[in-house]
Amino acid sequence: MALIRWEPVTELNTIQNEMNRLFNTFFEQPSQATRGNGALRRWLPPMDLVETGDHYVLRADLPGLSDGDVNIQLEDNTLTISGERKTEHEQGGEGYYRLERGFGAFSRALTLPDGVDPDSVQAHFDRGVLEIRIPKPEQRKPKTVQITLGTAPAADTKAIDSAGIGANGRAPVGASA
């Protein structure tokens, strides 16, 4: 009998790979039954989100769709892109189909930072690529108050007379400042 050295890191990698496979198969449940030996996977268009100096730029690949097939909503700092890509193959008849291109309804949602102006969001659709430009919200800067030294207080401010202050550092009750 041969001895095999136990490597815990390898075991952890194996467990992680099995968990990833389990979660991937769980979330990719078929949307419809198909003929043959395969099932259709849910279609989610790939997206890139890039931060530039003054914008967030989102690009989504939506091949085969037109601008009328895509719905973009911005509500409560949540940007939602949804739509549907229809199937292009025939149902019925004889023959064997192999379908690798995904189709069906999709929806993707992103949470935007607070302060984004919904009226300034721009969307462009060109050759199957949707590009959404989201201006970054203005950074709130603390307000600076200028302090002037050696000037008399304004006429509407009252000064506290040191004679009216008691031993505890407070003006006595009923005394006016």
N, C-alpha and C. Protein backbone atom coordinates (compact mmCIF):
# COMPACT_ATOMS: atom_id res chain seq x y z
N MET A 1 0.84 -1.16 0.00
CA MET A 1 0.00 0.00 0.00
C MET A 1 0.90 1.23 0.00
N ALA A 2 0.60 2.19 -0.89
CA ALA A 2 1.39 3.41 -1.01
C ALA A 2 0.82 4.49 -0.09
N LEU A 3 1.71 5.24 0.50
CA LEU A 3 1.31 6.36 1.33
C LEU A 3 1.24 7.62 0.48
N ILE A 4 0.18 8.36 0.67
CA ILE A 4 0.00 9.61 -0.07
C ILE A 4 0.01 10.74 0.94
N ARG A 5 0.83 11.72 0.67
CA ARG A 5 0.94 12.86 1.59
C ARG A 5 -0.33 13.71 1.51
N TRP A 6 -0.87 14.08 2.66
CA TRP A 6 -2.08 14.91 2.73
C TRP A 6 -1.69 16.37 2.63
N GLU A 7 -2.31 17.06 1.68
CA GLU A 7 -2.06 18.49 1.49
C GLU A 7 -3.37 19.24 1.71
N PRO A 8 -3.48 19.92 2.84
CA PRO A 8 -4.74 20.58 3.17
C PRO A 8 -5.13 21.68 2.17
N VAL A 9 -4.15 22.38 1.58
CA VAL A 9 -4.47 23.44 0.63
C VAL A 9 -5.14 22.86 -0.61
N THR A 10 -4.66 21.73 -1.06
CA THR A 10 -5.27 21.07 -2.22
C THR A 10 -6.70 20.65 -1.90
N GLU A 11 -6.93 20.15 -0.70
CA GLU A 11 -8.27 19.77 -0.30
C GLU A 11 -9.20 20.98 -0.27
N LEU A 12 -8.72 22.11 0.24
CA LEU A 12 -9.54 23.32 0.27
C LEU A 12 -9.87 23.80 -1.14
N ASN A 13 -8.91 23.73 -2.05
CA ASN A 13 -9.18 24.11 -3.44
C ASN A 13 -10.23 23.21 -4.07
N THR A 14 -10.17 21.92 -3.78
CA THR A 14 -11.15 20.99 -4.30
C THR A 14 -12.55 21.32 -3.77
N ILE A 15 -12.64 21.60 -2.48
CA ILE A 15 -13.93 21.95 -1.89
C ILE A 15 -14.46 23.25 -2.50
N GLN A 16 -13.57 24.24 -2.67
CA GLN A 16 -13.99 25.51 -3.26
C GLN A 16 -14.49 25.31 -4.69
N ASN A 17 -13.81 24.51 -5.48
CA ASN A 17 -14.24 24.24 -6.86
C ASN A 17 -15.60 23.55 -6.88
N GLU A 18 -15.82 22.62 -5.99
CA GLU A 18 -17.11 21.94 -5.94
C GLU A 18 -18.24 22.88 -5.51
N MET A 19 -17.95 23.77 -4.56
CA MET A 19 -18.96 24.75 -4.14
C MET A 19 -19.28 25.72 -5.28
N ASN A 20 -18.25 26.18 -6.01
CA ASN A 20 -18.49 27.06 -7.16
C ASN A 20 -19.34 26.36 -8.21
N ARG A 21 -19.05 25.09 -8.48
CA ARG A 21 -19.84 24.33 -9.46
C ARG A 21 -21.29 24.19 -9.00
N LEU A 22 -21.47 23.94 -7.70
CA LEU A 22 -22.82 23.80 -7.15
C LEU A 22 -23.61 25.09 -7.30
N PHE A 23 -23.01 26.21 -6.93
CA PHE A 23 -23.71 27.49 -7.03
C PHE A 23 -23.97 27.87 -8.48
N ASN A 24 -23.03 27.60 -9.38
CA ASN A 24 -23.24 27.92 -10.79
C ASN A 24 -24.39 27.12 -11.38
N THR A 25 -24.50 25.86 -11.05
CA THR A 25 -25.60 25.06 -11.58
C THR A 25 -26.92 25.43 -10.93
N PHE A 26 -26.89 25.87 -9.68
CA PHE A 26 -28.12 26.27 -9.01
C PHE A 26 -28.72 27.51 -9.64
N PHE A 27 -27.89 28.52 -9.93
CA PHE A 27 -28.39 29.78 -10.46
C PHE A 27 -28.59 29.76 -11.96
N GLU A 28 -28.15 28.75 -12.67
CA GLU A 28 -28.34 28.65 -14.11
C GLU A 28 -29.39 27.59 -14.43
N GLN A 29 -30.53 27.68 -13.78
CA GLN A 29 -31.57 26.72 -14.04
C GLN A 29 -32.19 26.98 -15.40
N PRO A 30 -32.62 25.94 -16.09
CA PRO A 30 -33.19 26.15 -17.41
C PRO A 30 -34.49 26.94 -17.36
N SER A 31 -34.68 27.81 -18.36
CA SER A 31 -35.90 28.59 -18.42
C SER A 31 -36.99 27.86 -19.19
N GLN A 32 -36.61 27.00 -20.11
CA GLN A 32 -37.57 26.22 -20.87
C GLN A 32 -36.93 24.86 -21.18
N ALA A 33 -37.76 23.88 -21.39
CA ALA A 33 -37.24 22.58 -21.81
C ALA A 33 -36.94 22.63 -23.30
N THR A 34 -35.91 21.93 -23.71
CA THR A 34 -35.56 21.91 -25.13
C THR A 34 -35.54 20.47 -25.62
N ARG A 35 -35.55 20.34 -26.92
CA ARG A 35 -35.43 19.01 -27.51
C ARG A 35 -33.98 18.61 -27.45
N GLY A 36 -33.73 17.36 -27.50
CA GLY A 36 -32.35 16.88 -27.48
C GLY A 36 -31.88 16.66 -26.07
N ASN A 37 -30.57 16.79 -25.88
CA ASN A 37 -30.02 16.48 -24.57
C ASN A 37 -29.56 17.71 -23.81
N GLY A 38 -30.04 18.90 -24.16
CA GLY A 38 -29.57 20.10 -23.47
C GLY A 38 -30.71 20.93 -22.96
N ALA A 39 -30.37 21.85 -22.12
CA ALA A 39 -31.35 22.80 -21.60
C ALA A 39 -30.80 24.20 -21.82
N LEU A 40 -31.68 25.14 -21.95
CA LEU A 40 -31.26 26.52 -22.16
C LEU A 40 -30.87 27.13 -20.83
N ARG A 41 -29.78 27.88 -20.86
CA ARG A 41 -29.38 28.61 -19.67
C ARG A 41 -29.98 30.00 -19.72
N ARG A 42 -30.12 30.58 -18.57
CA ARG A 42 -30.60 31.95 -18.48
C ARG A 42 -29.55 32.87 -19.08
N TRP A 43 -30.00 33.87 -19.85
CA TRP A 43 -29.07 34.77 -20.52
C TRP A 43 -28.93 36.06 -19.73
N LEU A 44 -27.72 36.39 -19.34
CA LEU A 44 -27.41 37.66 -18.70
C LEU A 44 -26.34 38.34 -19.54
N PRO A 45 -26.63 39.50 -20.10
CA PRO A 45 -25.62 40.16 -20.92
C PRO A 45 -24.43 40.60 -20.07
N PRO A 46 -23.22 40.45 -20.61
CA PRO A 46 -22.04 40.91 -19.85
C PRO A 46 -21.97 42.43 -19.83
N MET A 47 -21.48 42.96 -18.71
CA MET A 47 -21.38 44.41 -18.55
C MET A 47 -20.01 44.77 -18.00
N ASP A 48 -19.54 45.96 -18.38
CA ASP A 48 -18.33 46.56 -17.82
C ASP A 48 -18.74 47.86 -17.16
N LEU A 49 -18.16 48.15 -16.00
CA LEU A 49 -18.39 49.42 -15.32
C LEU A 49 -17.03 50.04 -15.09
N VAL A 50 -16.81 51.23 -15.69
CA VAL A 50 -15.53 51.90 -15.65
C VAL A 50 -15.72 53.27 -14.99
N GLU A 51 -14.78 53.65 -14.14
CA GLU A 51 -14.82 54.96 -13.51
C GLU A 51 -13.82 55.87 -14.21
N THR A 52 -14.29 56.99 -14.73
CA THR A 52 -13.42 57.99 -15.32
C THR A 52 -13.33 59.16 -14.34
N GLY A 53 -12.71 60.24 -14.78
CA GLY A 53 -12.54 61.38 -13.90
C GLY A 53 -13.83 61.98 -13.40
N ASP A 54 -14.84 62.10 -14.28
CA ASP A 54 -16.08 62.75 -13.87
C ASP A 54 -17.33 61.94 -14.17
N HIS A 55 -17.18 60.69 -14.63
CA HIS A 55 -18.33 59.84 -14.97
C HIS A 55 -18.09 58.40 -14.53
N TYR A 56 -19.19 57.69 -14.40
CA TYR A 56 -19.17 56.23 -14.39
C TYR A 56 -19.69 55.83 -15.76
N VAL A 57 -19.00 54.91 -16.43
CA VAL A 57 -19.41 54.49 -17.76
C VAL A 57 -19.73 53.00 -17.70
N LEU A 58 -20.97 52.66 -18.04
CA LEU A 58 -21.42 51.28 -18.06
C LEU A 58 -21.59 50.87 -19.52
N ARG A 59 -21.00 49.74 -19.90
CA ARG A 59 -21.16 49.20 -21.25
C ARG A 59 -21.69 47.78 -21.13
N ALA A 60 -22.74 47.52 -21.90
CA ALA A 60 -23.36 46.19 -21.89
C ALA A 60 -23.43 45.68 -23.32
N ASP A 61 -23.02 44.43 -23.53
CA ASP A 61 -23.12 43.79 -24.84
C ASP A 61 -24.51 43.20 -25.00
N LEU A 62 -25.25 43.72 -25.97
CA LEU A 62 -26.61 43.26 -26.23
C LEU A 62 -26.74 42.91 -27.71
N PRO A 63 -26.05 41.87 -28.17
CA PRO A 63 -26.10 41.53 -29.60
C PRO A 63 -27.49 41.08 -30.02
N GLY A 64 -27.89 41.53 -31.20
CA GLY A 64 -29.17 41.13 -31.75
C GLY A 64 -30.34 41.95 -31.25
N LEU A 65 -30.10 42.92 -30.38
CA LEU A 65 -31.18 43.75 -29.85
C LEU A 65 -31.09 45.15 -30.46
N SER A 66 -32.23 45.82 -30.49
CA SER A 66 -32.27 47.22 -30.90
C SER A 66 -32.57 48.07 -29.68
N ASP A 67 -32.52 49.38 -29.85
CA ASP A 67 -32.77 50.25 -28.70
C ASP A 67 -34.20 50.10 -28.18
N GLY A 68 -35.15 49.70 -29.00
CA GLY A 68 -36.52 49.49 -28.54
C GLY A 68 -36.70 48.23 -27.71
N ASP A 69 -35.73 47.32 -27.77
CA ASP A 69 -35.81 46.07 -27.00
C ASP A 69 -35.27 46.21 -25.59
N VAL A 70 -34.70 47.37 -25.27
CA VAL A 70 -34.03 47.57 -23.99
C VAL A 70 -34.75 48.64 -23.19
N ASN A 71 -34.93 48.40 -21.90
CA ASN A 71 -35.58 49.35 -21.00
C ASN A 71 -34.58 49.75 -19.92
N ILE A 72 -34.40 51.06 -19.72
CA ILE A 72 -33.48 51.58 -18.70
C ILE A 72 -34.29 52.41 -17.72
N GLN A 73 -34.18 52.10 -16.43
CA GLN A 73 -34.89 52.84 -15.38
C GLN A 73 -33.91 53.24 -14.30
N LEU A 74 -34.09 54.44 -13.77
CA LEU A 74 -33.31 54.92 -12.63
C LEU A 74 -34.28 55.36 -11.56
N GLU A 75 -34.31 54.60 -10.45
CA GLU A 75 -35.23 54.88 -9.36
C GLU A 75 -34.55 54.61 -8.04
N ASP A 76 -34.58 55.60 -7.15
CA ASP A 76 -33.99 55.47 -5.81
C ASP A 76 -32.55 54.98 -5.86
N ASN A 77 -31.73 55.61 -6.69
CA ASN A 77 -30.30 55.28 -6.83
C ASN A 77 -30.06 53.86 -7.34
N THR A 78 -31.05 53.26 -7.98
CA THR A 78 -30.88 51.94 -8.58
C THR A 78 -31.11 52.05 -10.08
N LEU A 79 -30.08 51.71 -10.85
CA LEU A 79 -30.17 51.70 -12.30
C LEU A 79 -30.48 50.28 -12.74
N THR A 80 -31.60 50.11 -13.47
CA THR A 80 -32.03 48.79 -13.91
C THR A 80 -32.06 48.77 -15.43
N ILE A 81 -31.40 47.77 -16.01
CA ILE A 81 -31.42 47.55 -17.45
C ILE A 81 -32.12 46.22 -17.68
N SER A 82 -33.17 46.24 -18.49
CA SER A 82 -33.93 45.01 -18.73
C SER A 82 -34.33 44.94 -20.20
N GLY A 83 -34.73 43.77 -20.61
CA GLY A 83 -35.17 43.57 -21.98
C GLY A 83 -35.35 42.10 -22.26
N GLU A 84 -35.48 41.77 -23.54
CA GLU A 84 -35.65 40.38 -23.93
C GLU A 84 -35.07 40.16 -25.31
N ARG A 85 -34.32 39.08 -25.44
CA ARG A 85 -33.82 38.67 -26.74
C ARG A 85 -34.62 37.44 -27.16
N LYS A 86 -35.28 37.55 -28.30
CA LYS A 86 -36.15 36.47 -28.79
C LYS A 86 -35.31 35.39 -29.48
N THR A 87 -35.83 34.18 -29.45
CA THR A 87 -35.18 33.08 -30.13
C THR A 87 -35.38 33.20 -31.63
N GLU A 88 -34.41 32.74 -32.39
CA GLU A 88 -34.49 32.86 -33.84
C GLU A 88 -34.63 31.51 -34.54
N HIS A 89 -34.78 30.43 -33.79
CA HIS A 89 -34.88 29.12 -34.43
C HIS A 89 -36.35 28.68 -34.50
N GLU A 90 -36.60 27.74 -35.36
CA GLU A 90 -37.96 27.24 -35.56
C GLU A 90 -38.27 26.14 -34.55
N GLN A 91 -39.49 26.12 -34.11
CA GLN A 91 -39.95 25.03 -33.26
C GLN A 91 -40.67 24.02 -34.15
N GLY A 92 -40.46 22.78 -33.92
CA GLY A 92 -41.15 21.74 -34.68
C GLY A 92 -40.30 21.26 -35.85
N GLY A 93 -40.87 20.33 -36.58
CA GLY A 93 -40.13 19.75 -37.70
C GLY A 93 -39.14 18.73 -37.20
N GLU A 94 -38.52 18.06 -38.16
CA GLU A 94 -37.53 17.05 -37.77
C GLU A 94 -36.14 17.65 -37.82
N GLY A 95 -35.25 17.02 -37.12
CA GLY A 95 -33.87 17.47 -37.11
C GLY A 95 -33.37 17.66 -35.69
N TYR A 96 -32.11 17.86 -35.61
CA TYR A 96 -31.48 18.03 -34.32
C TYR A 96 -30.94 19.45 -34.24
N TYR A 97 -31.20 20.12 -33.14
CA TYR A 97 -30.72 21.47 -32.92
C TYR A 97 -29.67 21.48 -31.83
N ARG A 98 -28.69 22.29 -32.04
CA ARG A 98 -27.71 22.57 -30.98
C ARG A 98 -27.77 24.07 -30.75
N LEU A 99 -28.28 24.47 -29.60
CA LEU A 99 -28.45 25.89 -29.30
C LEU A 99 -27.43 26.30 -28.24
N GLU A 100 -26.52 27.17 -28.62
CA GLU A 100 -25.53 27.66 -27.69
C GLU A 100 -25.73 29.13 -27.35
N ARG A 101 -26.41 29.87 -28.20
CA ARG A 101 -26.65 31.28 -27.93
C ARG A 101 -27.84 31.41 -26.99
N GLY A 102 -27.66 32.17 -25.94
CA GLY A 102 -28.73 32.34 -24.97
C GLY A 102 -29.77 33.34 -25.45
N PHE A 103 -30.97 33.19 -24.96
CA PHE A 103 -32.03 34.12 -25.26
C PHE A 103 -33.00 34.13 -24.10
N GLY A 104 -33.90 35.09 -24.13
CA GLY A 104 -34.90 35.20 -23.08
C GLY A 104 -34.85 36.57 -22.43
N ALA A 105 -35.64 36.74 -21.40
CA ALA A 105 -35.70 38.01 -20.68
C ALA A 105 -34.50 38.13 -19.75
N PHE A 106 -34.05 39.37 -19.56
CA PHE A 106 -32.94 39.63 -18.65
C PHE A 106 -33.22 40.91 -17.87
N SER A 107 -32.55 41.04 -16.76
CA SER A 107 -32.63 42.25 -15.95
C SER A 107 -31.36 42.34 -15.12
N ARG A 108 -30.71 43.50 -15.19
CA ARG A 108 -29.50 43.75 -14.39
C ARG A 108 -29.73 45.04 -13.63
N ALA A 109 -29.34 45.09 -12.36
CA ALA A 109 -29.54 46.27 -11.53
C ALA A 109 -28.23 46.64 -10.84
N LEU A 110 -27.96 47.94 -10.79
CA LEU A 110 -26.78 48.47 -10.12
C LEU A 110 -27.20 49.57 -9.17
N THR A 111 -26.59 49.60 -8.00
CA THR A 111 -26.85 50.66 -7.04
C THR A 111 -25.85 51.78 -7.29
N LEU A 112 -26.36 53.00 -7.48
CA LEU A 112 -25.52 54.16 -7.74
C LEU A 112 -25.27 54.93 -6.45
N PRO A 113 -24.20 55.71 -6.40
CA PRO A 113 -23.95 56.50 -5.19
C PRO A 113 -25.02 57.58 -4.99
N ASP A 114 -25.17 58.01 -3.75
CA ASP A 114 -26.13 59.07 -3.44
C ASP A 114 -25.73 60.35 -4.15
N GLY A 115 -26.74 61.12 -4.58
CA GLY A 115 -26.48 62.41 -5.18
C GLY A 115 -26.39 62.42 -6.69
N VAL A 116 -26.60 61.29 -7.36
CA VAL A 116 -26.56 61.25 -8.81
C VAL A 116 -27.80 61.95 -9.36
N ASP A 117 -27.58 62.85 -10.32
CA ASP A 117 -28.69 63.58 -10.94
C ASP A 117 -29.30 62.71 -12.04
N PRO A 118 -30.54 62.24 -11.88
CA PRO A 118 -31.13 61.35 -12.89
C PRO A 118 -31.31 62.01 -14.25
N ASP A 119 -31.46 63.33 -14.29
CA ASP A 119 -31.67 64.02 -15.56
C ASP A 119 -30.39 64.12 -16.38
N SER A 120 -29.23 63.91 -15.77
CA SER A 120 -27.97 64.04 -16.51
C SER A 120 -27.41 62.69 -16.98
N VAL A 121 -28.12 61.59 -16.73
CA VAL A 121 -27.68 60.28 -17.20
C VAL A 121 -27.96 60.17 -18.69
N GLN A 122 -26.96 59.73 -19.46
CA GLN A 122 -27.09 59.61 -20.91
C GLN A 122 -26.87 58.17 -21.34
N ALA A 123 -27.67 57.70 -22.31
CA ALA A 123 -27.55 56.35 -22.83
C ALA A 123 -27.41 56.40 -24.35
N HIS A 124 -26.50 55.59 -24.89
CA HIS A 124 -26.29 55.49 -26.33
C HIS A 124 -26.25 54.02 -26.70
N PHE A 125 -26.85 53.68 -27.82
CA PHE A 125 -26.89 52.29 -28.28
C PHE A 125 -26.33 52.25 -29.69
N ASP A 126 -25.23 51.52 -29.89
CA ASP A 126 -24.60 51.48 -31.20
C ASP A 126 -24.04 50.08 -31.44
N ARG A 127 -24.47 49.45 -32.53
CA ARG A 127 -23.98 48.14 -32.98
C ARG A 127 -24.01 47.09 -31.87
N GLY A 128 -25.10 47.05 -31.12
CA GLY A 128 -25.28 46.03 -30.10
C GLY A 128 -24.60 46.31 -28.78
N VAL A 129 -24.03 47.50 -28.61
CA VAL A 129 -23.38 47.86 -27.35
C VAL A 129 -24.12 49.05 -26.75
N LEU A 130 -24.62 48.86 -25.55
CA LEU A 130 -25.30 49.92 -24.81
C LEU A 130 -24.27 50.60 -23.93
N GLU A 131 -24.18 51.92 -24.03
CA GLU A 131 -23.26 52.69 -23.18
C GLU A 131 -24.07 53.71 -22.40
N ILE A 132 -23.94 53.66 -21.08
CA ILE A 132 -24.64 54.59 -20.20
C ILE A 132 -23.58 55.40 -19.45
N ARG A 133 -23.68 56.72 -19.55
CA ARG A 133 -22.75 57.63 -18.87
C ARG A 133 -23.48 58.27 -17.69
N ILE A 134 -22.93 58.06 -16.50
CA ILE A 134 -23.54 58.54 -15.27
C ILE A 134 -22.57 59.54 -14.64
N PRO A 135 -22.92 60.82 -14.60
CA PRO A 135 -22.02 61.79 -13.97
C PRO A 135 -21.87 61.51 -12.48
N LYS A 136 -20.66 61.67 -12.00
CA LYS A 136 -20.42 61.48 -10.58
C LYS A 136 -21.08 62.61 -9.80
N PRO A 137 -21.61 62.30 -8.63
CA PRO A 137 -22.20 63.37 -7.82
C PRO A 137 -21.10 64.30 -7.30
N GLU A 138 -21.48 65.57 -7.11
CA GLU A 138 -20.52 66.53 -6.56
C GLU A 138 -20.17 66.14 -5.15
N GLN A 139 -18.88 66.23 -4.85
CA GLN A 139 -18.43 65.95 -3.49
C GLN A 139 -18.82 67.13 -2.61
N ARG A 140 -19.42 66.85 -1.51
CA ARG A 140 -19.81 67.90 -0.58
C ARG A 140 -18.57 68.33 0.19
N LYS A 141 -18.25 69.62 0.08
CA LYS A 141 -17.09 70.15 0.76
C LYS A 141 -17.56 70.85 2.02
N PRO A 142 -16.78 70.77 3.10
CA PRO A 142 -17.18 71.48 4.31
C PRO A 142 -17.12 72.99 4.08
N LYS A 143 -18.06 73.69 4.66
CA LYS A 143 -18.11 75.14 4.52
C LYS A 143 -17.08 75.76 5.45
N THR A 144 -16.30 76.68 4.91
CA THR A 144 -15.27 77.35 5.70
C THR A 144 -15.81 78.69 6.15
N VAL A 145 -15.66 78.97 7.44
CA VAL A 145 -16.10 80.24 8.00
C VAL A 145 -14.86 81.06 8.30
N GLN A 146 -14.84 82.28 7.79
CA GLN A 146 -13.71 83.18 8.00
C GLN A 146 -13.79 83.79 9.39
N ILE A 147 -12.69 83.77 10.11
CA ILE A 147 -12.63 84.36 11.45
C ILE A 147 -11.84 85.66 11.34
N THR A 148 -12.43 86.74 11.81
CA THR A 148 -11.74 88.03 11.81
C THR A 148 -11.32 88.36 13.24
N LEU A 149 -10.12 88.86 13.39
CA LEU A 149 -9.58 89.16 14.71
C LEU A 149 -9.52 90.67 14.91
N GLY A 150 -9.69 91.10 16.15
CA GLY A 150 -9.48 92.48 16.53
C GLY A 150 -10.56 93.44 16.10
N THR A 151 -11.72 92.96 15.72
CA THR A 151 -12.79 93.88 15.37
C THR A 151 -13.88 93.79 16.40
N ALA A 152 -14.63 94.84 16.51
CA ALA A 152 -15.72 94.88 17.47
C ALA A 152 -16.87 94.03 16.96
N PRO A 153 -17.66 93.40 17.85
CA PRO A 153 -18.81 92.61 17.41
C PRO A 153 -19.85 93.51 16.75
N ALA A 154 -20.67 92.91 15.94
CA ALA A 154 -21.72 93.66 15.27
C ALA A 154 -22.68 94.22 16.29
N ALA A 155 -23.46 95.23 15.89
CA ALA A 155 -24.36 95.94 16.81
C ALA A 155 -25.45 95.04 17.36
N ASP A 156 -25.85 93.99 16.63
CA ASP A 156 -26.95 93.17 17.10
C ASP A 156 -26.52 92.05 18.04
N THR A 157 -25.21 91.89 18.30
CA THR A 157 -24.76 90.88 19.25
C THR A 157 -24.58 91.51 20.62
N LYS A 158 -24.82 90.74 21.67
CA LYS A 158 -24.70 91.23 23.04
C LYS A 158 -23.44 90.65 23.65
N ALA A 159 -22.73 91.46 24.38
CA ALA A 159 -21.53 91.00 25.08
C ALA A 159 -21.91 90.69 26.52
N ILE A 160 -21.24 89.71 27.10
CA ILE A 160 -21.48 89.36 28.50
C ILE A 160 -20.53 90.18 29.35
N ASP A 161 -21.10 90.84 30.33
CA ASP A 161 -20.30 91.64 31.24
C ASP A 161 -19.69 90.71 32.27
N SER A 162 -18.39 90.82 32.49
CA SER A 162 -17.72 89.94 33.43
C SER A 162 -18.20 90.15 34.86
N ALA A 163 -18.77 91.31 35.16
CA ALA A 163 -19.26 91.56 36.51
C ALA A 163 -20.51 90.74 36.79
N GLY A 164 -21.25 90.35 35.73
CA GLY A 164 -22.49 89.61 35.93
C GLY A 164 -22.28 88.11 36.01
N ILE A 165 -21.03 87.64 35.96
CA ILE A 165 -20.75 86.20 36.00
C ILE A 165 -20.44 85.80 37.42
N GLY A 166 -21.08 84.71 37.87
CA GLY A 166 -20.89 84.23 39.23
C GLY A 166 -19.60 83.42 39.36
N ALA A 167 -19.38 82.83 40.52
CA ALA A 167 -18.17 82.07 40.82
C ALA A 167 -18.09 80.79 40.00
N ASN A 168 -19.24 80.26 39.57
CA ASN A 168 -19.24 79.02 38.80
C ASN A 168 -19.03 79.27 37.31
N GLY A 169 -18.82 80.53 36.88
CA GLY A 169 -18.59 80.83 35.48
C GLY A 169 -19.85 81.06 34.71
N ARG A 170 -21.02 81.06 35.37
CA ARG A 170 -22.31 81.27 34.70
C ARG A 170 -22.96 82.54 35.21
N ALA A 171 -23.80 83.10 34.36
CA ALA A 171 -24.56 84.26 34.81
C ALA A 171 -25.63 83.79 35.78
N PRO A 172 -25.91 84.55 36.83
CA PRO A 172 -26.94 84.16 37.79
C PRO A 172 -28.31 84.10 37.11
N VAL A 173 -29.18 83.25 37.64
CA VAL A 173 -30.52 83.09 37.10
C VAL A 173 -31.27 84.40 37.22
N GLY A 174 -31.92 84.80 36.14
CA GLY A 174 -32.68 86.03 36.14
C GLY A 174 -31.85 87.22 35.71
N ALA A 175 -30.53 87.08 35.62
CA ALA A 175 -29.69 88.19 35.19
C ALA A 175 -29.73 88.28 33.68
N SER A 176 -29.73 89.46 33.16
CA SER A 176 -29.73 89.61 31.71
C SER A 176 -28.33 89.89 31.25
N ALA A 177 -28.01 89.42 30.10
CA ALA A 177 -26.66 89.57 29.57
C ALA A 177 -26.52 90.87 28.82
